[in-house]
Amino acid sequence: MKKMIFGIALMLIAISSYGQVNKKNSIQLVRNATVVFNYAGKEFLIDPMLAKKGAYPGFEGTANSELRNPLVELPFPAEKLLNPDAIIVTHLHPDHWDEAAVKMLPKNKAVFSQNAQDAENIKAQGFKDVRILSDHSHFENIQIKKTIAQHGSDAAYANAQMAAILGEASGFFFHQPDYKSVYFVGDAIWTDAFEAKLKDLKPNIVVLNTGYAQVNGFGAIIMGKEDVYKVHTILPDATIIAVHMEAINHCVLSRKELAEYVKTKGISNKVKIPADGEVIVF
């Protein structure tokens, strides 16, 4: 009898442990860099841009600036996005935090911002619970680490006007025992500092903004297809999820071109290129 009870207890522990380690989490690309991230039992809304198609003029001084943003509609009504547990805003450019989101989102939701200046701006928009990301941030029991994202080349930041436009940007890293780690890189180009951080964090999943957005005279201000392959060479076991494409005027890399590129590199099984509204479960 004792052996039977002991055996049942071990089985229950194993089942419980299996359920914890294999708990389903998901990343849903909404549009552009707007993502619904379900992790460790909580839902995060990331970089919400909720306006209707064509609500804003194209970014002046960038590729295809004659087009109006966003280029496409949301895949479902914005009202479905208004009840997350928390909101994360990597920076305040309007393709990551727009007037529609400010107007529609409940002002009592926890909002994580990258620095004190962004936090003050978000508070001024009426949000009551604004928190600043750091190396040791938490949302309840979930660990969130801020990372730095260089939103353009050294030459772009050497130009005072461009530096003011680009400003600071950030990414963030989710890590929780018994869950896969996830690194949202944010609006960034490849730098030595980014490569070092990638090797240090060793995430299981890397979410890359890969639209290869182009500023006239200064080149790319976010990553492109070659960067996807470089991430894979450093972390061959990681899953890469490519977002921030086909929704903003200056993003010139298409999903089709990226899919063809990763196929030629033999890494299609490691790179996910979700359609707007698509959910990736992990």
Protein backbone atom coordinates (compact mmCIF):
# COMPACT_ATOMS: atom_id res chain seq x y z
CA MET A 1 0.00 0.00 0.00
CA LYS A 2 2.81 2.44 0.92
CA LYS A 3 4.57 1.68 -2.36
CA MET A 4 1.33 2.33 -4.25
CA ILE A 5 0.74 5.66 -2.49
CA PHE A 6 4.36 6.67 -3.11
CA GLY A 7 4.04 5.75 -6.78
CA ILE A 8 0.84 7.77 -7.17
CA ALA A 9 2.50 10.75 -5.49
CA LEU A 10 5.45 10.58 -7.89
CA MET A 11 3.08 10.37 -10.84
CA LEU A 12 1.16 13.45 -9.68
CA ILE A 13 4.39 15.39 -9.21
CA ALA A 14 5.50 14.42 -12.71
CA ILE A 15 2.18 15.46 -14.21
CA SER A 16 2.30 18.76 -12.33
CA SER A 17 5.86 19.44 -13.45
CA TYR A 18 5.02 18.55 -17.05
CA GLY A 19 2.13 20.98 -17.04
CA GLN A 20 4.33 23.79 -15.75
CA VAL A 21 7.27 23.27 -18.10
CA ASN A 22 5.06 22.81 -21.15
CA LYS A 23 2.56 25.56 -20.41
CA LYS A 24 1.42 27.10 -23.68
CA ASN A 25 2.51 30.67 -24.28
CA SER A 26 1.95 32.63 -27.46
CA ILE A 27 2.96 35.58 -29.57
CA GLN A 28 0.30 37.10 -31.79
CA LEU A 29 1.40 39.62 -34.38
CA VAL A 30 -1.35 42.20 -34.66
CA ARG A 31 0.23 44.57 -37.20
CA ASN A 32 3.64 46.21 -37.59
CA ALA A 33 5.35 45.89 -34.17
CA THR A 34 2.09 45.56 -32.25
CA VAL A 35 2.07 42.18 -30.52
CA VAL A 36 -0.11 40.39 -27.99
CA PHE A 37 2.26 38.36 -25.83
CA ASN A 38 0.83 35.71 -23.51
CA TYR A 39 3.49 34.55 -21.06
CA ALA A 40 3.38 32.79 -17.71
CA GLY A 41 -0.33 33.39 -17.37
CA LYS A 42 -0.29 37.11 -18.20
CA GLU A 43 -1.15 39.04 -21.34
CA PHE A 44 1.06 41.90 -22.50
CA LEU A 45 0.17 44.34 -25.28
CA ILE A 46 3.38 45.53 -26.91
CA ASP A 47 3.86 48.73 -28.92
CA PRO A 48 0.20 49.40 -29.71
CA MET A 49 -0.50 51.25 -32.96
CA LEU A 50 -4.28 51.02 -33.25
CA ALA A 51 -5.23 53.57 -35.92
CA LYS A 52 -7.20 52.71 -39.02
CA LYS A 53 -5.45 52.33 -42.37
CA GLY A 54 -4.12 55.63 -43.75
CA ALA A 55 -4.75 57.66 -40.59
CA TYR A 56 -1.35 59.42 -40.63
CA PRO A 57 0.96 60.86 -43.30
CA GLY A 58 4.09 58.93 -44.22
CA PHE A 59 7.28 59.69 -42.33
CA GLU A 60 8.93 62.69 -43.97
CA GLY A 61 12.42 62.08 -45.36
CA THR A 62 11.99 58.31 -45.58
CA ALA A 63 11.36 55.76 -48.33
CA ASN A 64 7.88 55.88 -49.86
CA SER A 65 6.92 58.90 -47.76
CA GLU A 66 4.01 59.64 -50.10
CA LEU A 67 2.17 56.65 -48.65
CA ARG A 68 -0.06 57.08 -45.61
CA ASN A 69 0.38 55.04 -42.44
CA PRO A 70 -0.54 52.45 -41.49
CA LEU A 71 -0.56 50.82 -44.91
CA VAL A 72 -3.02 48.11 -43.86
CA GLU A 73 -5.99 47.75 -41.55
CA LEU A 74 -5.87 45.90 -38.25
CA PRO A 75 -6.77 42.21 -38.72
CA PHE A 76 -9.61 42.57 -36.21
CA PRO A 77 -11.32 45.42 -34.32
CA ALA A 78 -9.03 47.35 -31.97
CA GLU A 79 -11.57 46.80 -29.19
CA LYS A 80 -10.26 43.23 -28.84
CA LEU A 81 -6.92 44.62 -27.63
CA LEU A 82 -8.07 46.83 -24.80
CA ASN A 83 -7.86 44.50 -21.80
CA PRO A 84 -4.28 43.27 -21.40
CA ASP A 85 -2.73 42.76 -17.98
CA ALA A 86 0.00 45.26 -18.91
CA ILE A 87 1.27 47.36 -21.82
CA ILE A 88 4.91 47.71 -22.91
CA VAL A 89 6.04 50.67 -25.01
CA THR A 90 9.59 50.35 -26.38
CA HIS A 91 9.65 54.02 -27.47
CA LEU A 92 7.22 56.76 -28.40
CA HIS A 93 7.48 56.84 -32.19
CA PRO A 94 3.92 56.88 -33.55
CA ASP A 95 4.23 53.49 -35.24
CA HIS A 96 4.70 52.03 -31.74
CA TRP A 97 2.49 54.26 -29.59
CA ASP A 98 -0.06 56.25 -31.56
CA GLU A 99 -2.89 58.68 -30.89
CA ALA A 100 -5.49 55.96 -31.34
CA ALA A 101 -3.86 53.75 -28.69
CA VAL A 102 -3.59 56.68 -26.28
CA LYS A 103 -7.26 57.46 -26.75
CA MET A 104 -8.60 53.90 -26.60
CA LEU A 105 -6.55 52.10 -23.97
CA PRO A 106 -7.85 52.13 -20.37
CA LYS A 107 -5.93 54.68 -18.33
CA ASN A 108 -5.67 52.36 -15.28
CA LYS A 109 -3.59 49.71 -17.05
CA ALA A 110 0.03 49.19 -16.05
CA VAL A 111 2.27 50.70 -18.74
CA PHE A 112 6.01 49.97 -18.91
CA SER A 113 8.17 52.63 -20.59
CA GLN A 114 11.87 52.68 -21.43
CA ASN A 115 12.93 55.74 -19.42
CA ALA A 116 11.78 58.58 -17.18
CA GLN A 117 11.11 60.99 -20.05
CA ASP A 118 8.81 58.53 -21.85
CA ALA A 119 7.12 57.76 -18.54
CA GLU A 120 6.37 61.45 -17.96
CA ASN A 121 4.94 61.78 -21.46
CA ILE A 122 2.70 58.77 -20.97
CA LYS A 123 1.54 60.04 -17.59
CA ALA A 124 0.68 63.37 -19.21
CA GLN A 125 -1.58 61.42 -21.59
CA GLY A 126 -3.65 60.30 -18.63
CA PHE A 127 -2.21 56.91 -17.72
CA LYS A 128 -2.10 56.38 -13.96
CA ASP A 129 0.20 53.36 -13.49
CA VAL A 130 3.37 54.02 -15.51
CA ARG A 131 6.51 52.08 -14.67
CA ILE A 132 10.07 52.37 -15.95
CA LEU A 133 11.80 49.27 -17.29
CA SER A 134 15.20 48.40 -15.86
CA ASP A 135 17.61 45.48 -15.71
CA HIS A 136 15.53 44.04 -12.87
CA SER A 137 11.89 44.81 -13.66
CA HIS A 138 9.01 42.54 -12.73
CA PHE A 139 5.34 42.29 -13.47
CA GLU A 140 4.03 40.33 -10.55
CA ASN A 141 6.29 37.24 -10.64
CA ILE A 142 7.45 37.66 -14.26
CA GLN A 143 10.99 38.90 -14.84
CA ILE A 144 11.48 41.59 -17.51
CA LYS A 145 14.90 43.00 -18.38
CA LYS A 146 15.29 46.18 -20.40
CA THR A 147 17.80 46.12 -23.27
CA ILE A 148 19.23 48.94 -25.36
CA ALA A 149 18.34 49.26 -29.05
CA GLN A 150 20.34 51.55 -31.36
CA HIS A 151 17.69 52.93 -33.72
CA GLY A 152 20.02 53.87 -36.59
CA SER A 153 23.64 54.05 -37.65
CA ASP A 154 26.44 55.91 -35.91
CA ALA A 155 26.35 58.39 -38.80
CA ALA A 156 22.66 59.03 -38.22
CA TYR A 157 23.23 59.74 -34.54
CA ALA A 158 26.17 62.00 -35.38
CA ASN A 159 23.68 64.27 -37.16
CA ALA A 160 21.97 66.38 -34.50
CA GLN A 161 18.66 66.61 -36.33
CA MET A 162 18.49 62.89 -37.04
CA ALA A 163 19.58 62.02 -33.51
CA ALA A 164 16.68 64.06 -32.16
CA ILE A 165 14.22 62.32 -34.49
CA LEU A 166 15.47 58.81 -33.77
CA GLY A 167 15.85 59.34 -30.02
CA GLU A 168 16.25 56.45 -27.62
CA ALA A 169 14.75 53.04 -28.26
CA SER A 170 14.74 49.81 -26.28
CA GLY A 171 14.01 46.13 -26.29
CA PHE A 172 13.25 43.74 -23.47
CA PHE A 173 13.89 40.19 -22.35
CA PHE A 174 11.41 37.90 -20.61
CA HIS A 175 12.77 35.11 -18.48
CA GLN A 176 10.91 32.89 -16.08
CA PRO A 177 11.91 29.50 -14.61
CA ASP A 178 10.31 26.62 -16.53
CA TYR A 179 9.39 28.89 -19.47
CA LYS A 180 11.19 29.66 -22.70
CA SER A 181 13.01 32.98 -22.65
CA VAL A 182 11.93 35.61 -25.18
CA TYR A 183 13.95 38.60 -26.42
CA PHE A 184 12.01 41.41 -28.11
CA VAL A 185 14.84 43.27 -29.81
CA GLY A 186 12.88 46.43 -30.65
CA ASP A 187 13.75 49.04 -33.29
CA ALA A 188 17.47 48.39 -33.68
CA ILE A 189 20.26 47.90 -36.14
CA TRP A 190 23.05 45.38 -35.69
CA THR A 191 25.80 46.65 -33.39
CA ASP A 192 28.61 45.05 -31.42
CA ALA A 193 26.62 45.79 -28.26
CA PHE A 194 23.57 43.98 -29.63
CA GLU A 195 25.65 40.97 -30.63
CA ALA A 196 27.19 40.83 -27.15
CA LYS A 197 23.75 41.04 -25.53
CA LEU A 198 22.43 38.28 -27.77
CA LYS A 199 25.30 36.00 -26.73
CA ASP A 200 24.84 36.92 -23.08
CA LEU A 201 21.07 36.39 -22.90
CA LYS A 202 20.91 33.29 -25.15
CA PRO A 203 17.12 33.56 -25.64
CA ASN A 204 15.05 30.65 -26.85
CA ILE A 205 12.94 32.99 -28.98
CA VAL A 206 14.07 36.21 -30.68
CA VAL A 207 11.44 38.65 -31.96
CA LEU A 208 13.09 40.87 -34.58
CA ASN A 209 11.77 44.07 -36.14
CA THR A 210 12.89 43.28 -39.67
CA GLY A 211 11.20 45.73 -42.05
CA TYR A 212 14.57 47.28 -42.97
CA ALA A 213 13.10 50.79 -42.61
CA GLN A 214 15.01 53.33 -44.70
CA VAL A 215 15.74 56.99 -43.94
CA ASN A 216 16.91 59.03 -46.92
CA GLY A 217 20.65 59.59 -46.72
CA PHE A 218 21.13 57.49 -43.60
CA GLY A 219 20.09 53.97 -44.58
CA ALA A 220 18.41 51.40 -42.39
CA ILE A 221 17.15 52.20 -38.90
CA ILE A 222 15.92 48.69 -38.10
CA MET A 223 17.11 45.23 -39.03
CA GLY A 224 16.74 43.38 -42.33
CA LYS A 225 17.06 39.92 -43.78
CA GLU A 226 20.83 39.58 -43.33
CA ASP A 227 20.40 40.29 -39.63
CA VAL A 228 17.96 37.40 -39.37
CA TYR A 229 20.65 35.07 -40.66
CA LYS A 230 23.29 36.57 -38.36
CA VAL A 231 21.05 35.93 -35.35
CA HIS A 232 20.67 32.32 -36.49
CA THR A 233 24.44 31.82 -36.84
CA ILE A 234 24.89 32.97 -33.24
CA LEU A 235 21.87 31.10 -31.82
CA PRO A 236 21.22 28.17 -34.17
CA ASP A 237 18.69 26.57 -31.83
CA ALA A 238 16.61 29.71 -31.30
CA THR A 239 13.33 30.44 -33.03
CA ILE A 240 13.29 33.81 -34.79
CA ILE A 241 9.99 35.63 -35.25
CA ALA A 242 10.06 38.43 -37.83
CA VAL A 243 7.69 41.39 -37.38
CA HIS A 244 7.46 45.12 -38.29
CA MET A 245 6.92 44.53 -42.01
CA GLU A 246 4.49 45.69 -44.68
CA ALA A 247 2.62 48.18 -42.48
CA ILE A 248 4.68 51.41 -42.45
CA ASN A 249 5.80 53.46 -45.47
CA HIS A 250 9.58 53.20 -44.98
CA CYS A 251 9.73 49.44 -44.30
CA VAL A 252 11.00 48.06 -47.59
CA LEU A 253 11.54 44.37 -46.76
CA SER A 254 8.50 42.23 -47.58
CA ARG A 255 7.48 38.94 -46.02
CA LYS A 256 7.85 37.27 -49.41
CA GLU A 257 11.43 38.48 -49.85
CA LEU A 258 12.37 37.41 -46.34
CA ALA A 259 10.76 33.98 -46.81
CA GLU A 260 12.71 33.45 -50.04
CA TYR A 261 15.95 34.57 -48.37
CA VAL A 262 15.69 32.26 -45.36
CA LYS A 263 14.79 29.40 -47.71
CA THR A 264 18.02 29.94 -49.69
CA LYS A 265 19.90 29.91 -46.38
CA GLY A 266 18.25 26.66 -45.32
CA ILE A 267 16.78 28.07 -42.11
CA SER A 268 13.06 28.25 -42.93
CA ASN A 269 12.37 25.87 -40.06
CA LYS A 270 13.91 28.34 -37.60
CA VAL A 271 12.28 31.54 -38.84
CA LYS A 272 8.60 32.37 -38.38
CA ILE A 273 7.15 35.16 -40.54
CA PRO A 274 3.62 35.61 -39.21
CA ALA A 275 0.78 37.24 -41.08
CA ASP A 276 -1.14 40.00 -39.33
CA GLY A 277 -3.35 38.37 -36.73
CA GLU A 278 -1.43 35.07 -36.72
CA VAL A 279 -0.73 33.38 -33.37
CA ILE A 280 2.50 31.45 -32.72
CA VAL A 281 2.23 29.08 -29.77
CA PHE A 282 5.36 27.93 -27.93
